[in-house]
């Protein structure tokens, strides 16, 4: 899903060597894509297993989806030029 992602004891990590110190945009874009993908997986699970979608699920999902979209908004604001060059605005979570 993400190049050289590591998982240990339930924790996910992106090794430091993925970071180009001259271009932090690439690292931040990778993290944003990771979270966007996770949001899409959770949303798909809700469609596949509609019985899990209840009030408690919505209370967890809605803030998560909001944070994913806020992450993209921060990325677009901080790296406006780079985002324009990369050519993509993701769909909402």
PDB file of N, CA and C in Angstrom:
ATOM      1  N   UNK A   1       0.824  -1.183   0.000  1.00  0.00           N
ATOM      2  CA  UNK A   1       0.000   0.000   0.000  1.00  0.00           C
ATOM      3  C   UNK A   1       0.872   1.252   0.000  1.00  0.00           C
ATOM      4  N   UNK A   2       1.868   1.300   0.844  1.00  0.00           N
ATOM      5  CA  UNK A   2       2.818   2.407   0.880  1.00  0.00           C
ATOM      6  C   UNK A   2       4.202   1.785   0.840  1.00  0.00           C
ATOM      7  N   UNK A   3       5.079   2.352   0.016  1.00  0.00           N
ATOM      8  CA  UNK A   3       6.394   1.745  -0.113  1.00  0.00           C
ATOM      9  C   UNK A   3       7.073   1.636   1.251  1.00  0.00           C
ATOM     10  N   UNK A   4       7.636   0.513   1.494  1.00  0.00           N
ATOM     11  CA  UNK A   4       8.414   0.155   2.690  1.00  0.00           C
ATOM     12  C   UNK A   4       7.707   0.432   4.013  1.00  0.00           C
ATOM     13  N   UNK A   5       6.390   0.274   4.040  1.00  0.00           N
ATOM     14  CA  UNK A   5       5.677   0.402   5.308  1.00  0.00           C
ATOM     15  C   UNK A   5       6.082  -0.762   6.199  1.00  0.00           C
ATOM     16  N   UNK A   6       6.193  -0.495   7.481  1.00  0.00           N
ATOM     17  CA  UNK A   6       6.564  -1.535   8.425  1.00  0.00           C
ATOM     18  C   UNK A   6       5.493  -1.652   9.491  1.00  0.00           C
ATOM     19  N   UNK A   7       5.224  -2.878   9.894  1.00  0.00           N
ATOM     20  CA  UNK A   7       4.248  -3.127  10.938  1.00  0.00           C
ATOM     21  C   UNK A   7       4.890  -4.004  12.001  1.00  0.00           C
ATOM     22  N   UNK A   8       4.741  -3.576  13.252  1.00  0.00           N
ATOM     23  CA  UNK A   8       5.296  -4.350  14.352  1.00  0.00           C
ATOM     24  C   UNK A   8       4.415  -4.142  15.574  1.00  0.00           C
ATOM     25  N   UNK A   9       3.904  -5.220  16.134  1.00  0.00           N
ATOM     26  CA  UNK A   9       3.083  -5.119  17.324  1.00  0.00           C
ATOM     27  C   UNK A   9       1.854  -4.241  17.158  1.00  0.00           C
ATOM     28  N   UNK A  10       1.303  -4.181  15.962  1.00  0.00           N
ATOM     29  CA  UNK A  10       0.126  -3.362  15.720  1.00  0.00           C
ATOM     30  C   UNK A  10       0.426  -1.920  15.353  1.00  0.00           C
ATOM     31  N   UNK A  11       1.700  -1.521  15.420  1.00  0.00           N
ATOM     32  CA  UNK A  11       2.088  -0.161  15.040  1.00  0.00           C
ATOM     33  C   UNK A  11       2.542  -0.135  13.592  1.00  0.00           C
ATOM     34  N   UNK A  12       2.170   0.923  12.877  1.00  0.00           N
ATOM     35  CA  UNK A  12       2.613   1.104  11.503  1.00  0.00           C
ATOM     36  C   UNK A  12       3.656   2.205  11.475  1.00  0.00           C
ATOM     37  N   UNK A  13       4.700   2.005  10.680  1.00  0.00           N
ATOM     38  CA  UNK A  13       5.769   2.994  10.578  1.00  0.00           C
ATOM     39  C   UNK A  13       6.172   3.167   9.125  1.00  0.00           C
ATOM     40  N   UNK A  14       6.580   4.394   8.798  1.00  0.00           N
ATOM     41  CA  UNK A  14       7.231   4.682   7.532  1.00  0.00           C
ATOM     42  C   UNK A  14       8.670   5.040   7.889  1.00  0.00           C
ATOM     43  N   UNK A  15       9.615   4.242   7.457  1.00  0.00           N
ATOM     44  CA  UNK A  15      11.002   4.492   7.849  1.00  0.00           C
ATOM     45  C   UNK A  15      11.499   5.873   7.426  1.00  0.00           C
ATOM     46  N   UNK A  16      12.424   6.406   8.216  1.00  0.00           N
ATOM     47  CA  UNK A  16      12.964   7.735   7.944  1.00  0.00           C
ATOM     48  C   UNK A  16      13.610   7.848   6.575  1.00  0.00           C
ATOM     49  N   UNK A  17      14.130   6.761   6.045  1.00  0.00           N
ATOM     50  CA  UNK A  17      14.790   6.849   4.738  1.00  0.00           C
ATOM     51  C   UNK A  17      13.823   7.213   3.622  1.00  0.00           C
ATOM     52  N   UNK A  18      12.522   7.151   3.888  1.00  0.00           N
ATOM     53  CA  UNK A  18      11.542   7.574   2.893  1.00  0.00           C
ATOM     54  C   UNK A  18      11.462   9.094   2.785  1.00  0.00           C
ATOM     55  N   UNK A  19      12.064   9.797   3.734  1.00  0.00           N
ATOM     56  CA  UNK A  19      11.974  11.239   3.773  1.00  0.00           C
ATOM     57  C   UNK A  19      13.159  11.848   3.034  1.00  0.00           C
ATOM     58  N   UNK A  20      12.843  12.650   2.038  1.00  0.00           N
ATOM     59  CA  UNK A  20      13.867  13.426   1.356  1.00  0.00           C
ATOM     60  C   UNK A  20      13.965  14.746   2.106  1.00  0.00           C
ATOM     61  N   UNK A  21      15.058  14.996   2.832  1.00  0.00           N
ATOM     62  CA  UNK A  21      15.160  16.217   3.627  1.00  0.00           C
ATOM     63  C   UNK A  21      15.031  17.494   2.782  1.00  0.00           C
ATOM     64  N   UNK A  22      15.270  17.354   1.491  1.00  0.00           N
ATOM     65  CA  UNK A  22      15.137  18.504   0.602  1.00  0.00           C
ATOM     66  C   UNK A  22      13.692  18.701   0.131  1.00  0.00           C
ATOM     67  N   UNK A  23      12.845  17.691   0.344  1.00  0.00           N
ATOM     68  CA  UNK A  23      11.450  17.778  -0.120  1.00  0.00           C
ATOM     69  C   UNK A  23      10.519  17.034   0.838  1.00  0.00           C
ATOM     70  N   UNK A  24      10.126  17.675   1.929  1.00  0.00           N
ATOM     71  CA  UNK A  24       9.213  17.008   2.859  1.00  0.00           C
ATOM     72  C   UNK A  24       7.822  16.784   2.266  1.00  0.00           C
ATOM     73  N   UNK A  25       7.504  17.465   1.165  1.00  0.00           N
ATOM     74  CA  UNK A  25       6.195  17.291   0.526  1.00  0.00           C
ATOM     75  C   UNK A  25       5.928  15.826   0.201  1.00  0.00           C
ATOM     76  N   UNK A  26       6.905  15.126  -0.346  1.00  0.00           N
ATOM     77  CA  UNK A  26       6.711  13.729  -0.726  1.00  0.00           C
ATOM     78  C   UNK A  26       6.320  12.879   0.484  1.00  0.00           C
ATOM     79  N   UNK A  27       6.983  13.097   1.591  1.00  0.00           N
ATOM     80  CA  UNK A  27       6.667  12.342   2.809  1.00  0.00           C
ATOM     81  C   UNK A  27       5.247  12.670   3.280  1.00  0.00           C
ATOM     82  N   UNK A  28       4.912  13.943   3.335  1.00  0.00           N
ATOM     83  CA  UNK A  28       3.582  14.333   3.791  1.00  0.00           C
ATOM     84  C   UNK A  28       2.495  13.847   2.830  1.00  0.00           C
ATOM     85  N   UNK A  29       2.777  13.858   1.547  1.00  0.00           N
ATOM     86  CA  UNK A  29       1.824  13.344   0.569  1.00  0.00           C
ATOM     87  C   UNK A  29       1.605  11.839   0.764  1.00  0.00           C
ATOM     88  N   UNK A  30       2.678  11.113   1.039  1.00  0.00           N
ATOM     89  CA  UNK A  30       2.577   9.672   1.290  1.00  0.00           C
ATOM     90  C   UNK A  30       1.698   9.401   2.503  1.00  0.00           C
ATOM     91  N   UNK A  31       1.889  10.159   3.559  1.00  0.00           N
ATOM     92  CA  UNK A  31       1.086   9.981   4.775  1.00  0.00           C
ATOM     93  C   UNK A  31      -0.387  10.311   4.491  1.00  0.00           C
ATOM     94  N   UNK A  32      -0.614  11.388   3.751  1.00  0.00           N
ATOM     95  CA  UNK A  32      -1.987  11.768   3.429  1.00  0.00           C
ATOM     96  C   UNK A  32      -2.664  10.682   2.583  1.00  0.00           C
ATOM     97  N   UNK A  33      -1.931  10.124   1.612  1.00  0.00           N
ATOM     98  CA  UNK A  33      -2.495   9.042   0.796  1.00  0.00           C
ATOM     99  C   UNK A  33      -2.798   7.818   1.655  1.00  0.00           C
ATOM    100  N   UNK A  34      -1.921   7.506   2.581  1.00  0.00           N
ATOM    101  CA  UNK A  34      -2.135   6.364   3.472  1.00  0.00           C
ATOM    102  C   UNK A  34      -3.449   6.539   4.233  1.00  0.00           C
ATOM    103  N   UNK A  35      -3.642   7.711   4.832  1.00  0.00           N
ATOM    104  CA  UNK A  35      -4.868   7.945   5.597  1.00  0.00           C
ATOM    105  C   UNK A  35      -6.101   7.962   4.695  1.00  0.00           C
ATOM    106  N   UNK A  36      -5.974   8.519   3.508  1.00  0.00           N
ATOM    107  CA  UNK A  36      -7.105   8.528   2.563  1.00  0.00           C
ATOM    108  C   UNK A  36      -7.492   7.093   2.198  1.00  0.00           C
ATOM    109  N   UNK A  37      -6.492   6.252   1.981  1.00  0.00           N
ATOM    110  CA  UNK A  37      -6.752   4.848   1.647  1.00  0.00           C
ATOM    111  C   UNK A  37      -7.425   4.132   2.811  1.00  0.00           C
ATOM    112  N   UNK A  38      -6.953   4.388   4.029  1.00  0.00           N
ATOM    113  CA  UNK A  38      -7.579   3.769   5.195  1.00  0.00           C
ATOM    114  C   UNK A  38      -9.037   4.196   5.319  1.00  0.00           C
ATOM    115  N   UNK A  39      -9.306   5.467   5.051  1.00  0.00           N
ATOM    116  CA  UNK A  39     -10.687   5.945   5.092  1.00  0.00           C
ATOM    117  C   UNK A  39     -11.563   5.248   4.073  1.00  0.00           C
ATOM    118  N   UNK A  40     -11.027   5.033   2.895  1.00  0.00           N
ATOM    119  CA  UNK A  40     -11.792   4.346   1.855  1.00  0.00           C
ATOM    120  C   UNK A  40     -12.068   2.893   2.231  1.00  0.00           C
ATOM    121  N   UNK A  41     -11.110   2.257   2.894  1.00  0.00           N
ATOM    122  CA  UNK A  41     -11.304   0.869   3.338  1.00  0.00           C
ATOM    123  C   UNK A  41     -12.406   0.811   4.389  1.00  0.00           C
ATOM    124  N   UNK A  42     -12.355   1.712   5.367  1.00  0.00           N
ATOM    125  CA  UNK A  42     -13.382   1.728   6.413  1.00  0.00           C
ATOM    126  C   UNK A  42     -14.757   2.017   5.806  1.00  0.00           C
ATOM    127  N   UNK A  43     -14.823   2.967   4.870  1.00  0.00           N
ATOM    128  CA  UNK A  43     -16.100   3.277   4.219  1.00  0.00           C
ATOM    129  C   UNK A  43     -16.621   2.076   3.436  1.00  0.00           C
ATOM    130  N   UNK A  44     -15.724   1.350   2.770  1.00  0.00           N
ATOM    131  CA  UNK A  44     -16.131   0.164   2.013  1.00  0.00           C
ATOM    132  C   UNK A  44     -16.633  -0.927   2.950  1.00  0.00           C
ATOM    133  N   UNK A  45     -15.990  -1.083   4.106  1.00  0.00           N
ATOM    134  CA  UNK A  45     -16.453  -2.078   5.073  1.00  0.00           C
ATOM    135  C   UNK A  45     -17.877  -1.775   5.533  1.00  0.00           C
ATOM    136  N   UNK A  46     -18.171  -0.499   5.690  1.00  0.00           N
ATOM    137  CA  UNK A  46     -19.527  -0.125   6.103  1.00  0.00           C
ATOM    138  C   UNK A  46     -20.543  -0.514   5.041  1.00  0.00           C
ATOM    139  N   UNK A  47     -20.157  -0.436   3.782  1.00  0.00           N
ATOM    140  CA  UNK A  47     -21.079  -0.841   2.705  1.00  0.00           C
ATOM    141  C   UNK A  47     -21.205  -2.363   2.629  1.00  0.00           C
ATOM    142  N   UNK A  48     -20.089  -3.051   2.892  1.00  0.00           N
ATOM    143  CA  UNK A  48     -20.109  -4.514   2.844  1.00  0.00           C
ATOM    144  C   UNK A  48     -20.805  -5.129   4.049  1.00  0.00           C
ATOM    145  N   UNK A  49     -20.699  -4.454   5.188  1.00  0.00           N
ATOM    146  CA  UNK A  49     -21.289  -4.956   6.431  1.00  0.00           C
ATOM    147  C   UNK A  49     -22.219  -3.894   7.014  1.00  0.00           C
ATOM    148  N   UNK A  50     -23.350  -3.652   6.383  1.00  0.00           N
ATOM    149  CA  UNK A  50     -24.217  -2.553   6.812  1.00  0.00           C
ATOM    150  C   UNK A  50     -24.728  -2.678   8.242  1.00  0.00           C
ATOM    151  N   UNK A  51     -24.714  -3.873   8.796  1.00  0.00           N
ATOM    152  CA  UNK A  51     -25.191  -4.046  10.169  1.00  0.00           C
ATOM    153  C   UNK A  51     -24.283  -3.377  11.195  1.00  0.00           C
ATOM    154  N   UNK A  52     -23.025  -3.087  10.831  1.00  0.00           N
ATOM    155  CA  UNK A  52     -22.112  -2.447  11.790  1.00  0.00           C
ATOM    156  C   UNK A  52     -22.337  -0.936  11.860  1.00  0.00           C
ATOM    157  N   UNK A  53     -23.043  -0.400  10.893  1.00  0.00           N
ATOM    158  CA  UNK A  53     -23.256   1.045  10.861  1.00  0.00           C
ATOM    159  C   UNK A  53     -24.402   1.393  11.802  1.00  0.00           C
ATOM    160  N   UNK A  54     -24.034   1.922  12.947  1.00  0.00           N
ATOM    161  CA  UNK A  54     -25.024   2.363  13.918  1.00  0.00           C
ATOM    162  C   UNK A  54     -24.562   3.710  14.478  1.00  0.00           C
ATOM    163  N   UNK A  55     -25.204   4.174  15.503  1.00  0.00           N
ATOM    164  CA  UNK A  55     -24.873   5.470  16.091  1.00  0.00           C
ATOM    165  C   UNK A  55     -23.421   5.506  16.579  1.00  0.00           C
ATOM    166  N   UNK A  56     -22.975   4.456  17.255  1.00  0.00           N
ATOM    167  CA  UNK A  56     -21.600   4.417  17.766  1.00  0.00           C
ATOM    168  C   UNK A  56     -20.586   4.439  16.629  1.00  0.00           C
ATOM    169  N   UNK A  57     -20.877   3.690  15.564  1.00  0.00           N
ATOM    170  CA  UNK A  57     -19.969   3.671  14.410  1.00  0.00           C
ATOM    171  C   UNK A  57     -19.875   5.058  13.798  1.00  0.00           C
ATOM    172  N   UNK A  58     -21.017   5.719  13.634  1.00  0.00           N
ATOM    173  CA  UNK A  58     -21.028   7.062  13.044  1.00  0.00           C
ATOM    174  C   UNK A  58     -20.245   8.045  13.903  1.00  0.00           C
ATOM    175  N   UNK A  59     -20.335   7.894  15.230  1.00  0.00           N
ATOM    176  CA  UNK A  59     -19.590   8.789  16.118  1.00  0.00           C
ATOM    177  C   UNK A  59     -18.085   8.606  15.965  1.00  0.00           C
ATOM    178  N   UNK A  60     -17.645   7.436  15.567  1.00  0.00           N
ATOM    179  CA  UNK A  60     -16.215   7.202  15.321  1.00  0.00           C
ATOM    180  C   UNK A  60     -15.840   7.579  13.885  1.00  0.00           C
ATOM    181  N   UNK A  61     -16.667   7.188  12.931  1.00  0.00           N
ATOM    182  CA  UNK A  61     -16.348   7.397  11.520  1.00  0.00           C
ATOM    183  C   UNK A  61     -16.360   8.873  11.136  1.00  0.00           C
ATOM    184  N   UNK A  62     -17.365   9.604  11.535  1.00  0.00           N
ATOM    185  CA  UNK A  62     -17.492  10.989  11.097  1.00  0.00           C
ATOM    186  C   UNK A  62     -16.290  11.850  11.483  1.00  0.00           C
ATOM    187  N   UNK A  63     -15.802  11.805  12.726  1.00  0.00           N
ATOM    188  CA  UNK A  63     -14.606  12.592  13.055  1.00  0.00           C
ATOM    189  C   UNK A  63     -13.369  12.103  12.290  1.00  0.00           C
ATOM    190  N   UNK A  64     -13.269  10.786  12.062  1.00  0.00           N
ATOM    191  CA  UNK A  64     -12.133  10.241  11.317  1.00  0.00           C
ATOM    192  C   UNK A  64     -12.136  10.775   9.890  1.00  0.00           C
ATOM    193  N   UNK A  65     -13.288  10.725   9.229  1.00  0.00           N
ATOM    194  CA  UNK A  65     -13.392  11.233   7.862  1.00  0.00           C
ATOM    195  C   UNK A  65     -13.112  12.735   7.826  1.00  0.00           C
ATOM    196  N   UNK A  66     -13.587  13.450   8.813  1.00  0.00           N
ATOM    197  CA  UNK A  66     -13.326  14.892   8.887  1.00  0.00           C
ATOM    198  C   UNK A  66     -11.838  15.167   9.007  1.00  0.00           C
ATOM    199  N   UNK A  67     -11.150  14.408   9.846  1.00  0.00           N
ATOM    200  CA  UNK A  67      -9.705  14.614  10.033  1.00  0.00           C
ATOM    201  C   UNK A  67      -8.930  14.294   8.757  1.00  0.00           C
ATOM    202  N   UNK A  68      -9.345  13.275   8.043  1.00  0.00           N
ATOM    203  CA  UNK A  68      -8.685  12.951   6.770  1.00  0.00           C
ATOM    204  C   UNK A  68      -8.823  14.136   5.812  1.00  0.00           C
ATOM    205  N   UNK A  69     -10.009  14.680   5.716  1.00  0.00           N
ATOM    206  CA  UNK A  69     -10.234  15.811   4.820  1.00  0.00           C
ATOM    207  C   UNK A  69      -9.483  17.048   5.292  1.00  0.00           C
ATOM    208  N   UNK A  70      -9.378  17.240   6.596  1.00  0.00           N
ATOM    209  CA  UNK A  70      -8.593  18.360   7.132  1.00  0.00           C
ATOM    210  C   UNK A  70      -7.108  18.190   6.823  1.00  0.00           C
ATOM    211  N   UNK A  71      -6.637  16.948   6.873  1.00  0.00           N
ATOM    212  CA  UNK A  71      -5.244  16.674   6.536  1.00  0.00           C
ATOM    213  C   UNK A  71      -4.958  17.089   5.099  1.00  0.00           C
ATOM    214  N   UNK A  72      -5.862  16.714   4.176  1.00  0.00           N
ATOM    215  CA  UNK A  72      -5.690  17.110   2.776  1.00  0.00           C
ATOM    216  C   UNK A  72      -5.736  18.620   2.605  1.00  0.00           C
ATOM    217  N   UNK A  73      -6.639  19.281   3.331  1.00  0.00           N
ATOM    218  CA  UNK A  73      -6.735  20.738   3.243  1.00  0.00           C
ATOM    219  C   UNK A  73      -5.444  21.391   3.721  1.00  0.00           C
ATOM    220  N   UNK A  74      -4.867  20.873   4.800  1.00  0.00           N
ATOM    221  CA  UNK A  74      -3.592  21.415   5.299  1.00  0.00           C
ATOM    222  C   UNK A  74      -2.478  21.181   4.291  1.00  0.00           C
ATOM    223  N   UNK A  75      -2.476  20.011   3.669  1.00  0.00           N
ATOM    224  CA  UNK A  75      -1.464  19.695   2.657  1.00  0.00           C
ATOM    225  C   UNK A  75      -1.591  20.653   1.477  1.00  0.00           C
ATOM    226  N   UNK A  76      -2.818  20.878   1.028  1.00  0.00           N
ATOM    227  CA  UNK A  76      -3.044  21.781  -0.104  1.00  0.00           C
ATOM    228  C   UNK A  76      -2.642  23.216   0.230  1.00  0.00           C
ATOM    229  N   UNK A  77      -2.856  23.613   1.467  1.00  0.00           N
ATOM    230  CA  UNK A  77      -2.490  24.975   1.882  1.00  0.00           C
ATOM    231  C   UNK A  77      -0.978  25.113   2.019  1.00  0.00           C
ATOM    232  N   UNK A  78      -0.352  24.152   2.665  1.00  0.00           N
ATOM    233  CA  UNK A  78       1.080  24.223   2.932  1.00  0.00           C
ATOM    234  C   UNK A  78       1.903  24.028   1.665  1.00  0.00           C
ATOM    235  N   UNK A  79       1.449  23.146   0.800  1.00  0.00           N
ATOM    236  CA  UNK A  79       2.200  22.797  -0.408  1.00  0.00           C
ATOM    237  C   UNK A  79       1.373  23.097  -1.666  1.00  0.00           C
ATOM    238  N   UNK A  80       0.840  24.301  -1.756  1.00  0.00           N
ATOM    239  CA  UNK A  80      -0.043  24.647  -2.877  1.00  0.00           C
ATOM    240  C   UNK A  80       0.631  24.426  -4.226  1.00  0.00           C
ATOM    241  N   UNK A  81       1.858  24.869  -4.383  1.00  0.00           N
ATOM    242  CA  UNK A  81       2.550  24.717  -5.668  1.00  0.00           C
ATOM    243  C   UNK A  81       2.781  23.244  -6.001  1.00  0.00           C
ATOM    244  N   UNK A  82       3.247  22.478  -5.021  1.00  0.00           N
ATOM    245  CA  UNK A  82       3.521  21.062  -5.247  1.00  0.00           C
ATOM    246  C   UNK A  82       2.237  20.289  -5.539  1.00  0.00           C
ATOM    247  N   UNK A  83       1.155  20.651  -4.846  1.00  0.00           N
ATOM    248  CA  UNK A  83      -0.128  19.971  -5.090  1.00  0.00           C
ATOM    249  C   UNK A  83      -0.619  20.266  -6.501  1.00  0.00           C
ATOM    250  N   UNK A  84      -0.439  21.501  -6.945  1.00  0.00           N
ATOM    251  CA  UNK A  84      -0.853  21.853  -8.307  1.00  0.00           C
ATOM    252  C   UNK A  84      -0.056  21.053  -9.330  1.00  0.00           C
ATOM    253  N   UNK A  85       1.233  20.872  -9.069  1.00  0.00           N
ATOM    254  CA  UNK A  85       2.091  20.093  -9.984  1.00  0.00           C
ATOM    255  C   UNK A  85       1.735  18.620  -9.965  1.00  0.00           C
ATOM    256  N   UNK A  86       1.336  18.099  -8.800  1.00  0.00           N
ATOM    257  CA  UNK A  86       1.023  16.665  -8.713  1.00  0.00           C
ATOM    258  C   UNK A  86      -0.307  16.350  -9.391  1.00  0.00           C
ATOM    259  N   UNK A  87      -1.122  17.386  -9.618  1.00  0.00           N
ATOM    260  CA  UNK A  87      -2.324  17.241 -10.430  1.00  0.00           C
ATOM    261  C   UNK A  87      -3.492  16.549  -9.807  1.00  0.00           C
ATOM    262  N   UNK A  88      -3.507  16.379  -8.505  1.00  0.00           N
ATOM    263  CA  UNK A  88      -4.640  15.648  -7.984  1.00  0.00           C
ATOM    264  C   UNK A  88      -5.221  16.220  -6.732  1.00  0.00           C
ATOM    265  N   UNK A  89      -6.529  16.287  -6.731  1.00  0.00           N
ATOM    266  CA  UNK A  89      -7.251  16.599  -5.518  1.00  0.00           C
ATOM    267  C   UNK A  89      -8.060  15.369  -5.187  1.00  0.00           C
ATOM    268  N   UNK A  90      -7.828  14.757  -4.029  1.00  0.00           N
ATOM    269  CA  UNK A  90      -8.510  13.503  -3.718  1.00  0.00           C
ATOM    270  C   UNK A  90      -9.993  13.712  -3.465  1.00  0.00           C
ATOM    271  N   UNK A  91     -10.738  12.629  -3.627  1.00  0.00           N
ATOM    272  CA  UNK A  91     -12.153  12.654  -3.260  1.00  0.00           C
ATOM    273  C   UNK A  91     -12.234  12.671  -1.745  1.00  0.00           C
ATOM    274  N   UNK A  92     -13.345  13.155  -1.215  1.00  0.00           N
ATOM    275  CA  UNK A  92     -13.531  13.144   0.234  1.00  0.00           C
ATOM    276  C   UNK A  92     -13.550  11.712   0.734  1.00  0.00           C
ATOM    277  N   UNK A  93     -13.162  11.572   2.003  1.00  0.00           N
ATOM    278  CA  UNK A  93     -13.158  10.245   2.629  1.00  0.00           C
ATOM    279  C   UNK A  93     -14.572   9.742   2.782  1.00  0.00           C
TER     280      UNK A  93
END
